Amino acid sequence: MKKDLSPIDNIIVKVIKGSKKPVSTYKLAKVTKLSWSTVNSHCYKLMSFGILDMATKRTPFGQKTMLWNVAKKR
């Protein structure tokens, strides 16, 4: 499975592992200097592999924010 990860996937996982709190898709895009849509699609791919977990949070304005964290071993 590790060989299925692209360099972008590895960068995203590294950034999330280095964070103490879950990271939003927007923040991941800014830190990695990648587009939001690229980060979003790679995060969903990593979630399907069981590497990332996602939580959603509503802002005071009603926007939905995706928060990503490294999945706990099951």
Foldseek 3Di string as FASTA:
>chain_A
DVVPDDPLLVLLQVVQVPDPFFDWLVVSCVVVVHDSVVSVVSQVVCVVVQQKDWDWDADPVGDIIITIHGHDDD
